[in-house]
Amino acid sequence: MLPRTAQANAIAPVPANTQKDDIAGLRSSLISRNITMNGHRTSMRLELAMWNALIEICRREKLNIHQICSMVAKYKSEESSFTAAVRVFAMDYYRAAATEEGHQKAGHGTAFLFSAKRDFAAINPYADHNRANGN
């Protein structure tokens, strides 16, 4: 068992039956974690989904959370809070990665947004036509 402070700062695992894009799996409670930003220790409160996004960004960029947070703090606008700047950074990171080709592969912009296309065969207006033609 983790010490109490480690438990509070641990990233909660997503339940096994929750699909990655399952909106019902997102939680709204804030989780506090300690970070070191430009050599200064501080804490930050973010939603579980935002922590998970930051961890994925760290993994992809081969940086740790402290390096990412230091970079965000360096470039954030003075009008913005640090946590707001982190949220905007994560959103901008994923928006930059969201190309038209990526959207098409993911099925965005269709009726199949929240599940695999095969799960919606019953509502596909062309399903009967495709079956009749052997497709």
N, C-alpha and C. Protein backbone atom coordinates (compact mmCIF):
# COMPACT_ATOMS: atom_id res chain seq x y z
N MET A 1 0.84 -1.19 0.00
CA MET A 1 0.00 0.00 0.00
C MET A 1 0.88 1.25 0.00
N LEU A 2 0.48 2.25 -0.76
CA LEU A 2 1.23 3.50 -0.85
C LEU A 2 1.00 4.35 0.38
N PRO A 3 1.99 5.16 0.79
CA PRO A 3 1.75 6.12 1.87
C PRO A 3 0.62 7.06 1.47
N ARG A 4 -0.02 7.64 2.45
CA ARG A 4 -1.20 8.48 2.21
C ARG A 4 -0.95 9.57 1.18
N THR A 5 0.18 10.28 1.26
CA THR A 5 0.45 11.35 0.29
C THR A 5 0.65 10.79 -1.11
N ALA A 6 1.27 9.62 -1.22
CA ALA A 6 1.45 9.01 -2.53
C ALA A 6 0.12 8.57 -3.11
N GLN A 7 -0.79 8.10 -2.23
CA GLN A 7 -2.11 7.70 -2.70
C GLN A 7 -2.85 8.89 -3.27
N ALA A 8 -2.77 10.01 -2.61
CA ALA A 8 -3.47 11.21 -3.06
C ALA A 8 -2.92 11.71 -4.39
N ASN A 9 -1.62 11.48 -4.62
CA ASN A 9 -0.99 11.97 -5.84
C ASN A 9 -0.93 10.95 -6.95
N ALA A 10 -1.36 9.72 -6.68
CA ALA A 10 -1.29 8.66 -7.68
C ALA A 10 -2.33 8.90 -8.77
N ILE A 11 -1.98 8.52 -9.99
CA ILE A 11 -2.93 8.59 -11.09
C ILE A 11 -3.82 7.36 -10.99
N ALA A 12 -5.11 7.59 -10.89
CA ALA A 12 -6.05 6.48 -10.77
C ALA A 12 -6.13 5.74 -12.09
N PRO A 13 -6.07 4.41 -12.05
CA PRO A 13 -6.18 3.66 -13.31
C PRO A 13 -7.59 3.74 -13.87
N VAL A 14 -7.69 3.69 -15.17
CA VAL A 14 -8.99 3.66 -15.82
C VAL A 14 -9.52 2.24 -15.73
N PRO A 15 -10.77 2.04 -15.33
CA PRO A 15 -11.32 0.69 -15.22
C PRO A 15 -11.17 -0.08 -16.53
N ALA A 16 -10.95 -1.39 -16.43
CA ALA A 16 -10.68 -2.24 -17.60
C ALA A 16 -11.81 -2.20 -18.61
N ASN A 17 -13.05 -2.05 -18.16
CA ASN A 17 -14.18 -2.08 -19.09
C ASN A 17 -14.46 -0.71 -19.70
N THR A 18 -13.65 0.29 -19.42
CA THR A 18 -13.84 1.63 -19.96
C THR A 18 -13.05 1.77 -21.25
N GLN A 19 -13.73 2.11 -22.34
CA GLN A 19 -13.03 2.34 -23.59
C GLN A 19 -12.37 3.71 -23.55
N LYS A 20 -11.29 3.85 -24.30
CA LYS A 20 -10.50 5.07 -24.28
C LYS A 20 -11.35 6.32 -24.56
N ASP A 21 -12.27 6.22 -25.49
CA ASP A 21 -13.06 7.37 -25.88
C ASP A 21 -14.40 7.44 -25.15
N ASP A 22 -14.57 6.64 -24.09
CA ASP A 22 -15.83 6.58 -23.38
C ASP A 22 -16.00 7.82 -22.51
N ILE A 23 -16.89 8.70 -22.91
CA ILE A 23 -17.08 9.95 -22.17
C ILE A 23 -17.55 9.68 -20.75
N ALA A 24 -18.33 8.62 -20.54
CA ALA A 24 -18.81 8.29 -19.21
C ALA A 24 -17.64 7.95 -18.28
N GLY A 25 -16.49 7.55 -18.82
CA GLY A 25 -15.34 7.19 -18.00
C GLY A 25 -14.56 8.39 -17.48
N LEU A 26 -14.85 9.58 -17.99
CA LEU A 26 -14.14 10.77 -17.54
C LEU A 26 -14.69 11.21 -16.19
N ARG A 27 -13.81 11.61 -15.32
CA ARG A 27 -14.21 12.07 -13.99
C ARG A 27 -14.00 13.57 -13.90
N SER A 28 -14.78 14.22 -13.08
CA SER A 28 -14.68 15.67 -12.99
C SER A 28 -13.93 16.14 -11.75
N SER A 29 -13.61 15.25 -10.81
CA SER A 29 -12.92 15.68 -9.60
C SER A 29 -11.47 16.01 -9.92
N LEU A 30 -10.94 16.95 -9.17
CA LEU A 30 -9.56 17.40 -9.37
C LEU A 30 -8.62 16.56 -8.52
N ILE A 31 -7.44 16.29 -9.06
CA ILE A 31 -6.41 15.52 -8.38
C ILE A 31 -5.20 16.42 -8.21
N SER A 32 -4.68 16.50 -6.98
CA SER A 32 -3.49 17.31 -6.70
C SER A 32 -2.25 16.46 -6.81
N ARG A 33 -1.22 17.04 -7.44
CA ARG A 33 0.08 16.39 -7.53
C ARG A 33 1.16 17.44 -7.33
N ASN A 34 2.26 17.03 -6.74
CA ASN A 34 3.40 17.92 -6.59
C ASN A 34 4.25 17.86 -7.84
N ILE A 35 4.70 19.01 -8.27
CA ILE A 35 5.59 19.10 -9.42
C ILE A 35 6.71 20.07 -9.08
N THR A 36 7.79 19.97 -9.81
CA THR A 36 8.89 20.93 -9.69
C THR A 36 8.96 21.68 -11.00
N MET A 37 8.80 22.99 -10.86
CA MET A 37 8.72 23.85 -12.03
C MET A 37 9.87 24.85 -11.95
N ASN A 38 10.79 24.75 -12.90
CA ASN A 38 11.97 25.63 -12.91
C ASN A 38 12.69 25.62 -11.56
N GLY A 39 12.81 24.44 -10.95
CA GLY A 39 13.53 24.28 -9.69
C GLY A 39 12.72 24.59 -8.45
N HIS A 40 11.47 24.99 -8.60
CA HIS A 40 10.62 25.32 -7.45
C HIS A 40 9.49 24.31 -7.34
N ARG A 41 9.34 23.74 -6.15
CA ARG A 41 8.30 22.75 -5.93
C ARG A 41 6.96 23.46 -5.69
N THR A 42 5.93 22.93 -6.34
CA THR A 42 4.59 23.47 -6.18
C THR A 42 3.60 22.34 -6.40
N SER A 43 2.34 22.62 -6.23
CA SER A 43 1.32 21.60 -6.51
C SER A 43 0.38 22.12 -7.58
N MET A 44 -0.25 21.19 -8.22
CA MET A 44 -1.18 21.55 -9.29
C MET A 44 -2.38 20.61 -9.19
N ARG A 45 -3.57 21.17 -9.40
CA ARG A 45 -4.81 20.38 -9.36
C ARG A 45 -5.41 20.34 -10.76
N LEU A 46 -5.53 19.11 -11.29
CA LEU A 46 -6.11 18.90 -12.61
C LEU A 46 -7.05 17.71 -12.58
N GLU A 47 -7.89 17.62 -13.58
CA GLU A 47 -8.77 16.48 -13.74
C GLU A 47 -7.95 15.25 -14.13
N LEU A 48 -8.47 14.07 -13.82
CA LEU A 48 -7.79 12.82 -14.16
C LEU A 48 -7.48 12.75 -15.65
N ALA A 49 -8.44 13.13 -16.49
CA ALA A 49 -8.22 13.09 -17.94
C ALA A 49 -7.07 14.00 -18.34
N MET A 50 -6.92 15.13 -17.69
CA MET A 50 -5.83 16.06 -18.02
C MET A 50 -4.49 15.50 -17.56
N TRP A 51 -4.43 14.88 -16.38
CA TRP A 51 -3.20 14.24 -15.93
C TRP A 51 -2.81 13.14 -16.91
N ASN A 52 -3.78 12.34 -17.32
CA ASN A 52 -3.48 11.26 -18.26
C ASN A 52 -2.99 11.80 -19.60
N ALA A 53 -3.57 12.91 -20.05
CA ALA A 53 -3.11 13.54 -21.30
C ALA A 53 -1.67 14.02 -21.15
N LEU A 54 -1.35 14.63 -20.03
CA LEU A 54 0.01 15.11 -19.81
C LEU A 54 1.01 13.95 -19.75
N ILE A 55 0.63 12.87 -19.11
CA ILE A 55 1.50 11.70 -19.04
C ILE A 55 1.75 11.14 -20.43
N GLU A 56 0.72 11.11 -21.26
CA GLU A 56 0.89 10.63 -22.64
C GLU A 56 1.79 11.57 -23.43
N ILE A 57 1.64 12.87 -23.24
CA ILE A 57 2.51 13.83 -23.92
C ILE A 57 3.96 13.62 -23.47
N CYS A 58 4.17 13.42 -22.17
CA CYS A 58 5.53 13.16 -21.67
C CYS A 58 6.12 11.91 -22.31
N ARG A 59 5.32 10.87 -22.40
CA ARG A 59 5.78 9.61 -23.00
C ARG A 59 6.17 9.84 -24.46
N ARG A 60 5.33 10.54 -25.19
CA ARG A 60 5.60 10.77 -26.61
C ARG A 60 6.83 11.65 -26.83
N GLU A 61 7.00 12.65 -25.98
CA GLU A 61 8.08 13.61 -26.15
C GLU A 61 9.36 13.23 -25.41
N LYS A 62 9.30 12.10 -24.66
CA LYS A 62 10.45 11.64 -23.87
C LYS A 62 10.94 12.71 -22.90
N LEU A 63 9.97 13.34 -22.23
CA LEU A 63 10.24 14.34 -21.19
C LEU A 63 9.48 13.93 -19.93
N ASN A 64 9.87 14.48 -18.79
CA ASN A 64 9.09 14.20 -17.59
C ASN A 64 8.11 15.34 -17.33
N ILE A 65 7.21 15.11 -16.40
CA ILE A 65 6.15 16.09 -16.13
C ILE A 65 6.74 17.42 -15.67
N HIS A 66 7.87 17.37 -14.95
CA HIS A 66 8.50 18.60 -14.46
C HIS A 66 9.07 19.43 -15.62
N GLN A 67 9.63 18.77 -16.61
CA GLN A 67 10.16 19.48 -17.78
C GLN A 67 9.03 20.12 -18.58
N ILE A 68 7.95 19.37 -18.76
CA ILE A 68 6.79 19.92 -19.50
C ILE A 68 6.24 21.13 -18.76
N CYS A 69 6.05 21.00 -17.44
CA CYS A 69 5.48 22.10 -16.66
C CYS A 69 6.40 23.32 -16.65
N SER A 70 7.70 23.10 -16.60
CA SER A 70 8.65 24.22 -16.66
C SER A 70 8.54 24.96 -17.99
N MET A 71 8.40 24.20 -19.07
CA MET A 71 8.27 24.81 -20.39
C MET A 71 6.96 25.62 -20.48
N VAL A 72 5.87 25.04 -19.97
CA VAL A 72 4.59 25.74 -20.00
C VAL A 72 4.69 27.03 -19.20
N ALA A 73 5.28 26.97 -18.01
CA ALA A 73 5.42 28.16 -17.16
C ALA A 73 6.24 29.25 -17.86
N LYS A 74 7.26 28.83 -18.58
CA LYS A 74 8.13 29.80 -19.27
C LYS A 74 7.38 30.57 -20.35
N TYR A 75 6.49 29.90 -21.06
CA TYR A 75 5.83 30.52 -22.22
C TYR A 75 4.39 30.95 -21.99
N LYS A 76 3.84 30.73 -20.80
CA LYS A 76 2.44 31.10 -20.57
C LYS A 76 2.29 32.62 -20.53
N SER A 77 1.10 33.09 -20.86
CA SER A 77 0.84 34.54 -20.79
C SER A 77 0.66 34.94 -19.33
N GLU A 78 0.95 36.18 -19.03
CA GLU A 78 0.83 36.66 -17.65
C GLU A 78 -0.62 36.69 -17.17
N GLU A 79 -1.57 36.80 -18.09
CA GLU A 79 -2.98 36.87 -17.72
C GLU A 79 -3.54 35.50 -17.32
N SER A 80 -2.86 34.46 -17.69
CA SER A 80 -3.36 33.10 -17.49
C SER A 80 -2.80 32.49 -16.21
N SER A 81 -3.63 31.69 -15.53
CA SER A 81 -3.11 30.92 -14.40
C SER A 81 -2.27 29.77 -14.95
N PHE A 82 -1.43 29.21 -14.10
CA PHE A 82 -0.57 28.12 -14.54
C PHE A 82 -1.40 26.91 -14.95
N THR A 83 -2.38 26.52 -14.14
CA THR A 83 -3.17 25.33 -14.48
C THR A 83 -3.95 25.54 -15.77
N ALA A 84 -4.45 26.76 -15.99
CA ALA A 84 -5.15 27.04 -17.25
C ALA A 84 -4.17 26.92 -18.42
N ALA A 85 -2.95 27.40 -18.23
CA ALA A 85 -1.93 27.30 -19.28
C ALA A 85 -1.59 25.84 -19.58
N VAL A 86 -1.57 24.99 -18.56
CA VAL A 86 -1.29 23.57 -18.78
C VAL A 86 -2.42 22.94 -19.58
N ARG A 87 -3.66 23.28 -19.23
CA ARG A 87 -4.81 22.74 -19.98
C ARG A 87 -4.77 23.18 -21.44
N VAL A 88 -4.46 24.46 -21.67
CA VAL A 88 -4.38 24.98 -23.04
C VAL A 88 -3.23 24.31 -23.79
N PHE A 89 -2.10 24.12 -23.11
CA PHE A 89 -0.97 23.43 -23.74
C PHE A 89 -1.38 22.04 -24.21
N ALA A 90 -2.03 21.27 -23.34
CA ALA A 90 -2.43 19.91 -23.69
C ALA A 90 -3.42 19.93 -24.86
N MET A 91 -4.38 20.84 -24.81
CA MET A 91 -5.35 20.94 -25.90
C MET A 91 -4.65 21.31 -27.21
N ASP A 92 -3.75 22.28 -27.17
CA ASP A 92 -3.03 22.69 -28.37
C ASP A 92 -2.15 21.56 -28.90
N TYR A 93 -1.55 20.79 -28.01
CA TYR A 93 -0.71 19.66 -28.41
C TYR A 93 -1.53 18.66 -29.23
N TYR A 94 -2.69 18.31 -28.69
CA TYR A 94 -3.53 17.34 -29.40
C TYR A 94 -4.19 17.94 -30.64
N ARG A 95 -4.52 19.21 -30.62
CA ARG A 95 -5.07 19.86 -31.82
C ARG A 95 -4.05 19.86 -32.94
N ALA A 96 -2.79 20.10 -32.61
CA ALA A 96 -1.74 20.11 -33.63
C ALA A 96 -1.57 18.72 -34.24
N ALA A 97 -1.84 17.69 -33.45
CA ALA A 97 -1.69 16.32 -33.93
C ALA A 97 -2.94 15.83 -34.67
N ALA A 98 -4.01 16.58 -34.59
CA ALA A 98 -5.28 16.14 -35.17
C ALA A 98 -5.39 16.62 -36.62
N THR A 99 -4.83 15.85 -37.52
CA THR A 99 -4.88 16.20 -38.94
C THR A 99 -6.18 15.68 -39.55
N GLU A 100 -6.49 16.11 -40.74
CA GLU A 100 -7.68 15.60 -41.43
C GLU A 100 -7.59 14.10 -41.64
N GLU A 101 -6.41 13.63 -42.01
CA GLU A 101 -6.23 12.18 -42.21
C GLU A 101 -6.48 11.42 -40.91
N GLY A 102 -5.98 11.95 -39.80
CA GLY A 102 -6.20 11.32 -38.51
C GLY A 102 -7.67 11.29 -38.14
N HIS A 103 -8.38 12.37 -38.43
CA HIS A 103 -9.82 12.42 -38.15
C HIS A 103 -10.57 11.38 -38.98
N GLN A 104 -10.19 11.24 -40.24
CA GLN A 104 -10.86 10.25 -41.09
C GLN A 104 -10.62 8.84 -40.59
N LYS A 105 -9.37 8.53 -40.19
CA LYS A 105 -9.06 7.20 -39.68
C LYS A 105 -9.82 6.90 -38.39
N ALA A 106 -10.04 7.92 -37.57
CA ALA A 106 -10.75 7.74 -36.30
C ALA A 106 -12.26 7.72 -36.49
N GLY A 107 -12.75 8.07 -37.68
CA GLY A 107 -14.18 8.09 -37.92
C GLY A 107 -14.86 9.34 -37.40
N HIS A 108 -14.10 10.40 -37.15
CA HIS A 108 -14.70 11.65 -36.67
C HIS A 108 -15.56 12.28 -37.76
N GLY A 109 -16.62 12.93 -37.36
CA GLY A 109 -17.50 13.59 -38.30
C GLY A 109 -18.54 12.65 -38.88
N THR A 110 -18.66 11.48 -38.27
CA THR A 110 -19.66 10.50 -38.72
C THR A 110 -20.54 10.12 -37.54
N ALA A 111 -21.50 9.28 -37.79
CA ALA A 111 -22.36 8.80 -36.71
C ALA A 111 -21.65 7.76 -35.86
N PHE A 112 -20.41 7.46 -36.19
CA PHE A 112 -19.69 6.38 -35.53
C PHE A 112 -18.65 6.89 -34.55
N LEU A 113 -18.82 8.09 -34.05
CA LEU A 113 -17.83 8.75 -33.22
C LEU A 113 -17.49 7.99 -31.95
N PHE A 114 -18.48 7.43 -31.24
CA PHE A 114 -18.23 6.91 -29.91
C PHE A 114 -17.98 5.42 -29.85
N SER A 115 -17.95 4.74 -30.96
CA SER A 115 -17.72 3.30 -30.95
C SER A 115 -17.21 2.86 -32.31
N ALA A 116 -16.80 1.61 -32.38
CA ALA A 116 -16.35 1.06 -33.66
C ALA A 116 -17.51 1.03 -34.64
N LYS A 117 -17.23 1.20 -35.91
CA LYS A 117 -18.28 1.26 -36.92
C LYS A 117 -19.13 0.01 -36.93
N ARG A 118 -18.55 -1.14 -36.64
CA ARG A 118 -19.33 -2.38 -36.68
C ARG A 118 -20.43 -2.39 -35.63
N ASP A 119 -20.27 -1.64 -34.54
CA ASP A 119 -21.30 -1.58 -33.50
C ASP A 119 -22.55 -0.86 -33.97
N PHE A 120 -22.44 -0.08 -35.04
CA PHE A 120 -23.56 0.71 -35.52
C PHE A 120 -24.11 0.18 -36.84
N ALA A 121 -23.85 -1.08 -37.15
CA ALA A 121 -24.32 -1.65 -38.41
C ALA A 121 -25.83 -1.52 -38.55
N ALA A 122 -26.54 -1.60 -37.45
CA ALA A 122 -28.01 -1.54 -37.50
C ALA A 122 -28.52 -0.17 -37.93
N ILE A 123 -27.76 0.89 -37.69
CA ILE A 123 -28.24 2.21 -38.09
C ILE A 123 -27.61 2.69 -39.39
N ASN A 124 -26.74 1.88 -39.99
CA ASN A 124 -26.10 2.25 -41.24
C ASN A 124 -27.14 2.17 -42.36
N PRO A 125 -27.47 3.27 -43.02
CA PRO A 125 -28.51 3.24 -44.06
C PRO A 125 -28.13 2.38 -45.26
N TYR A 126 -26.85 2.07 -45.41
CA TYR A 126 -26.40 1.28 -46.54
C TYR A 126 -26.16 -0.19 -46.17
N ALA A 127 -26.43 -0.57 -44.92
CA ALA A 127 -26.12 -1.93 -44.46
C ALA A 127 -26.87 -2.97 -45.29
N ASP A 128 -28.17 -2.79 -45.54
CA ASP A 128 -28.95 -3.76 -46.31
C ASP A 128 -28.46 -3.82 -47.75
N HIS A 129 -28.16 -2.66 -48.33
CA HIS A 129 -27.68 -2.60 -49.70
C HIS A 129 -26.33 -3.32 -49.82
N ASN A 130 -25.42 -3.08 -48.85
CA ASN A 130 -24.10 -3.73 -48.87
C ASN A 130 -24.23 -5.25 -48.72
N ARG A 131 -25.13 -5.70 -47.84
CA ARG A 131 -25.32 -7.14 -47.66
C ARG A 131 -25.87 -7.78 -48.94
N ALA A 132 -26.80 -7.11 -49.59
CA ALA A 132 -27.42 -7.64 -50.80
C ALA A 132 -26.40 -7.76 -51.93
N ASN A 133 -25.41 -6.89 -51.94
CA ASN A 133 -24.38 -6.91 -52.97
C ASN A 133 -23.15 -7.70 -52.56
N GLY A 134 -23.21 -8.40 -51.43
CA GLY A 134 -22.09 -9.22 -50.97
C GLY A 134 -20.96 -8.45 -50.34
N ASN A 135 -21.19 -7.22 -49.92
CA ASN A 135 -20.14 -6.42 -49.29
C ASN A 135 -20.20 -6.52 -47.79
